[in-house]
PDB file of N, CA and C in Angstrom:
ATOM      1  N   MET A   1     121.592  21.286 124.886  1.00  0.00           N
ATOM      2  CA  MET A   1     121.786  20.510 123.675  1.00  0.00           C
ATOM      3  C   MET A   1     120.085  20.021 123.063  1.00  0.00           C
ATOM      4  N   GLN A   2     119.229  21.843 123.556  1.00  0.00           N
ATOM      5  CA  GLN A   2     117.920  22.235 122.614  1.00  0.00           C
ATOM      6  C   GLN A   2     118.435  22.094 121.255  1.00  0.00           C
ATOM      7  N   GLU A   3     119.583  23.338 121.169  1.00  0.00           N
ATOM      8  CA  GLU A   3     120.093  23.589 119.549  1.00  0.00           C
ATOM      9  C   GLU A   3     120.128  22.528 118.793  1.00  0.00           C
ATOM     10  N   LEU A   4     121.571  22.353 118.912  1.00  0.00           N
ATOM     11  CA  LEU A   4     121.992  20.422 119.135  1.00  0.00           C
ATOM     12  C   LEU A   4     121.053  19.650 118.149  1.00  0.00           C
ATOM     13  N   LYS A   5     119.711  19.730 118.716  1.00  0.00           N
ATOM     14  CA  LYS A   5     119.179  18.762 118.874  1.00  0.00           C
ATOM     15  C   LYS A   5     117.415  19.915 117.115  1.00  0.00           C
ATOM     16  N   LEU A   6     117.971  20.439 117.632  1.00  0.00           N
ATOM     17  CA  LEU A   6     116.866  21.341 116.171  1.00  0.00           C
ATOM     18  C   LEU A   6     117.498  21.055 115.160  1.00  0.00           C
ATOM     19  N   LEU A   7     119.270  21.488 115.125  1.00  0.00           N
ATOM     20  CA  LEU A   7     120.579  22.584 114.181  1.00  0.00           C
ATOM     21  C   LEU A   7     119.338  20.299 113.469  1.00  0.00           C
ATOM     22  N   ILE A   8     119.817  18.976 114.822  1.00  0.00           N
ATOM     23  CA  ILE A   8     119.843  17.944 113.976  1.00  0.00           C
ATOM     24  C   ILE A   8     118.395  17.407 112.999  1.00  0.00           C
ATOM     25  N   ILE A   9     117.799  17.755 113.163  1.00  0.00           N
ATOM     26  CA  ILE A   9     116.189  18.306 112.696  1.00  0.00           C
ATOM     27  C   ILE A   9     116.235  18.788 111.502  1.00  0.00           C
ATOM     28  N   ASP A  10     116.230  19.254 111.550  1.00  0.00           N
ATOM     29  CA  ASP A  10     115.911  20.798 110.393  1.00  0.00           C
ATOM     30  C   ASP A  10     117.005  20.285 109.256  1.00  0.00           C
ATOM     31  N   THR A  11     118.296  20.159 110.129  1.00  0.00           N
ATOM     32  CA  THR A  11     119.420  19.693 108.532  1.00  0.00           C
ATOM     33  C   THR A  11     118.735  18.560 108.246  1.00  0.00           C
ATOM     34  N   LEU A  12     118.674  17.018 109.064  1.00  0.00           N
ATOM     35  CA  LEU A  12     117.818  16.496 107.774  1.00  0.00           C
ATOM     36  C   LEU A  12     116.248  15.489 107.672  1.00  0.00           C
ATOM     37  N   ASP A  13     115.401  16.886 107.731  1.00  0.00           N
ATOM     38  CA  ASP A  13     114.795  16.807 107.897  1.00  0.00           C
ATOM     39  C   ASP A  13     113.984  15.876 108.469  1.00  0.00           C
ATOM     40  N   LEU A  14     114.007  15.909 109.148  1.00  0.00           N
ATOM     41  CA  LEU A  14     112.973  14.554 110.487  1.00  0.00           C
ATOM     42  C   LEU A  14     112.038  14.664 111.223  1.00  0.00           C
ATOM     43  N   GLU A  15     110.540  14.773 109.810  1.00  0.00           N
ATOM     44  CA  GLU A  15     109.384  14.747 109.756  1.00  0.00           C
ATOM     45  C   GLU A  15     108.638  13.970 111.416  1.00  0.00           C
ATOM     46  N   ASP A  16     107.987  14.866 112.093  1.00  0.00           N
ATOM     47  CA  ASP A  16     107.186  14.389 113.974  1.00  0.00           C
ATOM     48  C   ASP A  16     107.976  13.969 114.265  1.00  0.00           C
ATOM     49  N   ILE A  17     109.689  14.869 114.735  1.00  0.00           N
ATOM     50  CA  ILE A  17     110.050  14.344 115.428  1.00  0.00           C
ATOM     51  C   ILE A  17     110.471  15.482 116.404  1.00  0.00           C
ATOM     52  N   GLY A  18     110.367  16.106 117.700  1.00  0.00           N
ATOM     53  CA  GLY A  18     110.620  17.121 118.251  1.00  0.00           C
ATOM     54  C   GLY A  18     112.105  17.194 118.792  1.00  0.00           C
ATOM     55  N   PRO A  19     112.376  18.491 119.422  1.00  0.00           N
ATOM     56  CA  PRO A  19     113.500  17.697 120.381  1.00  0.00           C
ATOM     57  C   PRO A  19     113.942  17.013 121.342  1.00  0.00           C
ATOM     58  N   SER A  20     111.762  17.147 122.326  1.00  0.00           N
ATOM     59  CA  SER A  20     112.267  16.136 123.203  1.00  0.00           C
ATOM     60  C   SER A  20     112.024  14.720 123.016  1.00  0.00           C
ATOM     61  N   ASP A  21     112.178  14.707 122.035  1.00  0.00           N
ATOM     62  CA  ASP A  21     112.071  12.924 121.117  1.00  0.00           C
ATOM     63  C   ASP A  21     113.211  12.465 121.313  1.00  0.00           C
ATOM     64  N   ILE A  22     114.776  12.560 121.014  1.00  0.00           N
ATOM     65  CA  ILE A  22     115.608  12.649 121.116  1.00  0.00           C
ATOM     66  C   ILE A  22     116.019  12.242 122.457  1.00  0.00           C
ATOM     67  N   ASP A  23     116.587  10.839 122.725  1.00  0.00           N
ATOM     68  CA  ASP A  23     117.402  11.036 124.369  1.00  0.00           C
ATOM     69  C   ASP A  23     118.770  11.457 123.429  1.00  0.00           C
ATOM     70  N   ASP A  24     118.457  12.187 124.897  1.00  0.00           N
ATOM     71  CA  ASP A  24     120.316  12.680 125.336  1.00  0.00           C
ATOM     72  C   ASP A  24     121.739  12.208 124.757  1.00  0.00           C
ATOM     73  N   ASP A  25     121.420  10.463 125.820  1.00  0.00           N
ATOM     74  CA  ASP A  25     122.285  10.196 125.609  1.00  0.00           C
ATOM     75  C   ASP A  25     122.384   8.179 124.953  1.00  0.00           C
ATOM     76  N   ALA A  26     120.586   8.855 123.841  1.00  0.00           N
ATOM     77  CA  ALA A  26     120.442   7.753 122.117  1.00  0.00           C
ATOM     78  C   ALA A  26     121.435   7.833 121.554  1.00  0.00           C
ATOM     79  N   PRO A  27     122.142   6.097 120.852  1.00  0.00           N
ATOM     80  CA  PRO A  27     122.914   6.171 120.181  1.00  0.00           C
ATOM     81  C   PRO A  27     121.826   6.869 118.641  1.00  0.00           C
ATOM     82  N   LEU A  28     122.232   7.293 117.731  1.00  0.00           N
ATOM     83  CA  LEU A  28     122.397   8.584 116.706  1.00  0.00           C
ATOM     84  C   LEU A  28     121.753   7.366 115.303  1.00  0.00           C
ATOM     85  N   PHE A  29     122.210   6.328 116.085  1.00  0.00           N
ATOM     86  CA  PHE A  29     123.226   5.452 114.734  1.00  0.00           C
ATOM     87  C   PHE A  29     122.510   4.301 114.594  1.00  0.00           C
ATOM     88  N   VAL A  30     121.251   3.557 113.859  1.00  0.00           N
ATOM     89  CA  VAL A  30     121.371   1.958 114.007  1.00  0.00           C
ATOM     90  C   VAL A  30     119.674   1.531 115.111  1.00  0.00           C
ATOM     91  N   ASP A  31     120.949   1.906 116.365  1.00  0.00           N
ATOM     92  CA  ASP A  31     118.864   1.722 117.160  1.00  0.00           C
ATOM     93  C   ASP A  31     119.112   4.005 117.774  1.00  0.00           C
ATOM     94  N   GLY A  32     118.909   3.833 117.802  1.00  0.00           N
ATOM     95  CA  GLY A  32     118.144   5.463 118.345  1.00  0.00           C
ATOM     96  C   GLY A  32     117.920   6.118 117.251  1.00  0.00           C
ATOM     97  N   LEU A  33     118.038   7.040 117.015  1.00  0.00           N
ATOM     98  CA  LEU A  33     117.300   7.767 115.688  1.00  0.00           C
ATOM     99  C   LEU A  33     117.479   7.345 114.281  1.00  0.00           C
ATOM    100  N   GLY A  34     118.471   5.785 114.455  1.00  0.00           N
ATOM    101  CA  GLY A  34     118.383   4.980 113.417  1.00  0.00           C
ATOM    102  C   GLY A  34     118.903   6.305 112.164  1.00  0.00           C
ATOM    103  N   LEU A  35     119.535   6.409 112.482  1.00  0.00           N
ATOM    104  CA  LEU A  35     121.464   7.692 111.502  1.00  0.00           C
ATOM    105  C   LEU A  35     121.187   6.548 110.270  1.00  0.00           C
ATOM    106  N   ASP A  36     122.551   7.595 108.978  1.00  0.00           N
ATOM    107  CA  ASP A  36     122.944   6.808 108.517  1.00  0.00           C
ATOM    108  C   ASP A  36     124.111   7.055 107.480  1.00  0.00           C
ATOM    109  N   SER A  37     125.241   6.300 107.069  1.00  0.00           N
ATOM    110  CA  SER A  37     125.629   7.254 107.192  1.00  0.00           C
ATOM    111  C   SER A  37     126.253   8.736 105.304  1.00  0.00           C
ATOM    112  N   ILE A  38     124.297   8.882 105.143  1.00  0.00           N
ATOM    113  CA  ILE A  38     124.618   9.708 104.452  1.00  0.00           C
ATOM    114  C   ILE A  38     123.715  10.979 105.586  1.00  0.00           C
ATOM    115  N   ASP A  39     123.178  10.643 106.033  1.00  0.00           N
ATOM    116  CA  ASP A  39     123.101  11.271 107.546  1.00  0.00           C
ATOM    117  C   ASP A  39     124.048  12.089 107.949  1.00  0.00           C
ATOM    118  N   ALA A  40     124.523  11.234 107.881  1.00  0.00           N
ATOM    119  CA  ALA A  40     126.499  11.772 108.976  1.00  0.00           C
ATOM    120  C   ALA A  40     126.652  12.217 108.785  1.00  0.00           C
ATOM    121  N   LEU A  41     127.362  12.369 107.069  1.00  0.00           N
ATOM    122  CA  LEU A  41     128.151  14.222 106.095  1.00  0.00           C
ATOM    123  C   LEU A  41     126.833  14.738 106.282  1.00  0.00           C
ATOM    124  N   GLU A  42     126.468  14.926 106.013  1.00  0.00           N
ATOM    125  CA  GLU A  42     125.220  16.273 105.756  1.00  0.00           C
ATOM    126  C   GLU A  42     124.683  16.532 107.545  1.00  0.00           C
ATOM    127  N   LEU A  43     124.901  15.743 108.715  1.00  0.00           N
ATOM    128  CA  LEU A  43     124.965  16.575 109.846  1.00  0.00           C
ATOM    129  C   LEU A  43     126.465  17.380 110.188  1.00  0.00           C
ATOM    130  N   GLY A  44     128.274  16.599 109.757  1.00  0.00           N
ATOM    131  CA  GLY A  44     128.926  16.941 109.377  1.00  0.00           C
ATOM    132  C   GLY A  44     129.223  17.853 108.788  1.00  0.00           C
ATOM    133  N   VAL A  45     128.290  18.428 107.962  1.00  0.00           N
ATOM    134  CA  VAL A  45     128.528  19.467 106.932  1.00  0.00           C
ATOM    135  C   VAL A  45     127.593  20.917 107.751  1.00  0.00           C
ATOM    136  N   ALA A  46     126.196  20.639 107.921  1.00  0.00           N
ATOM    137  CA  ALA A  46     125.984  22.134 109.146  1.00  0.00           C
ATOM    138  C   ALA A  46     126.674  21.943 110.205  1.00  0.00           C
ATOM    139  N   LEU A  47     126.699  21.002 111.360  1.00  0.00           N
ATOM    140  CA  LEU A  47     127.870  21.361 112.287  1.00  0.00           C
ATOM    141  C   LEU A  47     129.335  22.500 111.704  1.00  0.00           C
ATOM    142  N   GLN A  48     129.654  22.034 110.302  1.00  0.00           N
ATOM    143  CA  GLN A  48     130.896  23.289 110.247  1.00  0.00           C
ATOM    144  C   GLN A  48     130.800  23.975 110.150  1.00  0.00           C
ATOM    145  N   LYS A  49     129.351  23.910 108.969  1.00  0.00           N
ATOM    146  CA  LYS A  49     128.907  25.197 109.012  1.00  0.00           C
ATOM    147  C   LYS A  49     128.025  25.989 109.699  1.00  0.00           C
ATOM    148  N   ARG A  50     128.315  25.959 110.846  1.00  0.00           N
ATOM    149  CA  ARG A  50     126.740  26.526 112.277  1.00  0.00           C
ATOM    150  C   ARG A  50     127.843  27.526 113.350  1.00  0.00           C
ATOM    151  N   TYR A  51     128.934  25.689 113.664  1.00  0.00           N
ATOM    152  CA  TYR A  51     130.267  25.817 115.211  1.00  0.00           C
ATOM    153  C   TYR A  51     131.443  25.813 113.801  1.00  0.00           C
ATOM    154  N   GLY A  52     132.013  25.651 112.773  1.00  0.00           N
ATOM    155  CA  GLY A  52     132.687  25.778 112.898  1.00  0.00           C
ATOM    156  C   GLY A  52     133.547  24.282 113.190  1.00  0.00           C
ATOM    157  N   VAL A  53     133.104  23.515 113.232  1.00  0.00           N
ATOM    158  CA  VAL A  53     133.785  22.017 113.798  1.00  0.00           C
ATOM    159  C   VAL A  53     134.279  21.359 112.994  1.00  0.00           C
ATOM    160  N   LYS A  54     135.337  20.682 111.904  1.00  0.00           N
ATOM    161  CA  LYS A  54     135.356  20.311 111.656  1.00  0.00           C
ATOM    162  C   LYS A  54     135.699  18.223 111.708  1.00  0.00           C
ATOM    163  N   LEU A  55     135.453  17.661 110.869  1.00  0.00           N
ATOM    164  CA  LEU A  55     135.105  16.658 111.427  1.00  0.00           C
ATOM    165  C   LEU A  55     136.017  15.839 110.406  1.00  0.00           C
ATOM    166  N   ASP A  56     136.613  14.346 110.610  1.00  0.00           N
ATOM    167  CA  ASP A  56     137.339  13.535 109.831  1.00  0.00           C
ATOM    168  C   ASP A  56     136.696  12.325 109.164  1.00  0.00           C
ATOM    169  N   ALA A  57     136.342  12.056 108.758  1.00  0.00           N
ATOM    170  CA  ALA A  57     135.052  10.733 108.952  1.00  0.00           C
ATOM    171  C   ALA A  57     135.791   9.664 108.442  1.00  0.00           C
ATOM    172  N   GLU A  58     136.546   9.476 109.180  1.00  0.00           N
ATOM    173  CA  GLU A  58     137.207   8.058 108.551  1.00  0.00           C
ATOM    174  C   GLU A  58     138.567   7.806 110.951  1.00  0.00           C
ATOM    175  N   SER A  59     137.860   9.120 111.318  1.00  0.00           N
ATOM    176  CA  SER A  59     138.571   8.875 112.350  1.00  0.00           C
ATOM    177  C   SER A  59     137.459   7.744 113.534  1.00  0.00           C
ATOM    178  N   SER A  60     138.068   7.036 114.670  1.00  0.00           N
ATOM    179  CA  SER A  60     137.268   6.944 115.530  1.00  0.00           C
ATOM    180  C   SER A  60     136.837   8.211 116.626  1.00  0.00           C
ATOM    181  N   GLU A  61     137.873   8.147 116.590  1.00  0.00           N
ATOM    182  CA  GLU A  61     137.362   9.848 117.277  1.00  0.00           C
ATOM    183  C   GLU A  61     136.329   9.954 117.222  1.00  0.00           C
ATOM    184  N   THR A  62     135.881  10.945 115.682  1.00  0.00           N
ATOM    185  CA  THR A  62     134.696  11.437 114.847  1.00  0.00           C
ATOM    186  C   THR A  62     133.170   9.933 115.253  1.00  0.00           C
ATOM    187  N   ARG A  63     133.979   8.911 115.454  1.00  0.00           N
ATOM    188  CA  ARG A  63     132.551   7.825 115.940  1.00  0.00           C
ATOM    189  C   ARG A  63     132.112   8.518 117.047  1.00  0.00           C
ATOM    190  N   LYS A  64     133.251   8.133 117.667  1.00  0.00           N
ATOM    191  CA  LYS A  64     133.421   8.685 119.444  1.00  0.00           C
ATOM    192  C   LYS A  64     132.176  10.015 119.910  1.00  0.00           C
ATOM    193  N   HIS A  65     132.479  11.227 118.522  1.00  0.00           N
ATOM    194  CA  HIS A  65     131.264  12.732 119.319  1.00  0.00           C
ATOM    195  C   HIS A  65     130.188  11.674 118.463  1.00  0.00           C
ATOM    196  N   PHE A  66     129.607  11.433 117.266  1.00  0.00           N
ATOM    197  CA  PHE A  66     128.171  10.887 116.951  1.00  0.00           C
ATOM    198  C   PHE A  66     127.681   9.973 117.675  1.00  0.00           C
ATOM    199  N   ALA A  67     127.894   9.501 118.886  1.00  0.00           N
ATOM    200  CA  ALA A  67     127.742   8.580 119.684  1.00  0.00           C
ATOM    201  C   ALA A  67     126.818   8.696 119.463  1.00  0.00           C
ATOM    202  N   SER A  68     126.517   9.952 120.445  1.00  0.00           N
ATOM    203  CA  SER A  68     125.152  10.385 120.897  1.00  0.00           C
ATOM    204  C   SER A  68     124.967  12.483 120.611  1.00  0.00           C
ATOM    205  N   VAL A  69     123.247  12.383 121.662  1.00  0.00           N
ATOM    206  CA  VAL A  69     123.993  14.362 121.247  1.00  0.00           C
ATOM    207  C   VAL A  69     124.583  15.088 122.302  1.00  0.00           C
ATOM    208  N   ARG A  70     124.674  13.748 123.067  1.00  0.00           N
ATOM    209  CA  ARG A  70     125.562  14.426 124.264  1.00  0.00           C
ATOM    210  C   ARG A  70     126.615  14.638 124.229  1.00  0.00           C
ATOM    211  N   ASN A  71     127.226  13.742 123.311  1.00  0.00           N
ATOM    212  CA  ASN A  71     128.943  13.085 122.863  1.00  0.00           C
ATOM    213  C   ASN A  71     129.119  14.637 122.098  1.00  0.00           C
ATOM    214  N   LEU A  72     127.976  14.748 120.914  1.00  0.00           N
ATOM    215  CA  LEU A  72     128.643  15.421 119.478  1.00  0.00           C
ATOM    216  C   LEU A  72     128.207  17.299 120.236  1.00  0.00           C
ATOM    217  N   ALA A  73     127.735  17.483 122.201  1.00  0.00           N
ATOM    218  CA  ALA A  73     127.793  18.579 122.096  1.00  0.00           C
ATOM    219  C   ALA A  73     129.418  19.061 123.527  1.00  0.00           C
ATOM    220  N   ALA A  74     129.026  17.687 123.076  1.00  0.00           N
ATOM    221  CA  ALA A  74     130.264  18.232 124.071  1.00  0.00           C
ATOM    222  C   ALA A  74     131.681  18.397 123.532  1.00  0.00           C
ATOM    223  N   LEU A  75     131.591  17.863 122.099  1.00  0.00           N
ATOM    224  CA  LEU A  75     132.334  18.421 121.189  1.00  0.00           C
ATOM    225  C   LEU A  75     131.745  19.499 120.853  1.00  0.00           C
ATOM    226  N   VAL A  76     131.378  20.312 120.430  1.00  0.00           N
ATOM    227  CA  VAL A  76     130.890  21.457 119.985  1.00  0.00           C
ATOM    228  C   VAL A  76     131.538  22.117 121.304  1.00  0.00           C
ATOM    229  N   ALA A  77     131.131  22.287 123.186  1.00  0.00           N
ATOM    230  CA  ALA A  77     131.524  23.239 123.591  1.00  0.00           C
ATOM    231  C   ALA A  77     132.618  23.042 123.509  1.00  0.00           C
ATOM    232  N   GLU A  78     133.720  22.033 123.916  1.00  0.00           N
ATOM    233  CA  GLU A  78     135.044  21.855 122.708  1.00  0.00           C
ATOM    234  C   GLU A  78     135.471  22.954 122.298  1.00  0.00           C
ATOM    235  N   ARG A  79     134.796  22.497 121.520  1.00  0.00           N
ATOM    236  CA  ARG A  79     136.037  22.792 119.692  1.00  0.00           C
ATOM    237  C   ARG A  79     135.499  24.560 120.198  1.00  0.00           C
ATOM    238  N   ARG A  80     134.292  25.491 120.390  1.00  0.00           N
ATOM    239  CA  ARG A  80     133.957  26.968 120.963  1.00  0.00           C
ATOM    240  C   ARG A  80     134.851  27.152 122.008  1.00  0.00           C
ATOM    241  N   THR A  81     135.445  26.525 123.566  1.00  0.00           N
ATOM    242  CA  THR A  81     136.350  26.917 123.601  1.00  0.00           C
ATOM    243  C   THR A  81     137.693  27.535 123.716  1.00  0.00           C
ATOM    244  N   ARG A  82     137.267  26.375 123.001  1.00  0.00           N
ATOM    245  CA  ARG A  82     139.986  25.994 121.751  1.00  0.00           C
ATOM    246  C   ARG A  82     139.486  27.232 121.079  1.00  0.00           C
ATOM    247  N   ASP A  83     138.095  27.817 120.547  1.00  0.00           N
ATOM    248  CA  ASP A  83     138.878  28.434 119.072  1.00  0.00           C
ATOM    249  C   ASP A  83     138.995  29.862 119.398  1.00  0.00           C
TER     250      ASP A  83
END
């Protein structure tokens, strides 16, 4: 999850935040990190480039995956083993 947290920080230029500041189970949007839809798009592109993970922006499954770092890490791990 550390690698994923660093990807989030680097992709979204989150200043003054380190990986240890991001709770694995905290929401990424609204509360928690307070990300917005633009951040979600940027993060989706970064996940595709780094891990080959393609997400459908309109899917309710995608919303579940973006709920927390833990959920994103599970998605990346699942897609890595499948491919």
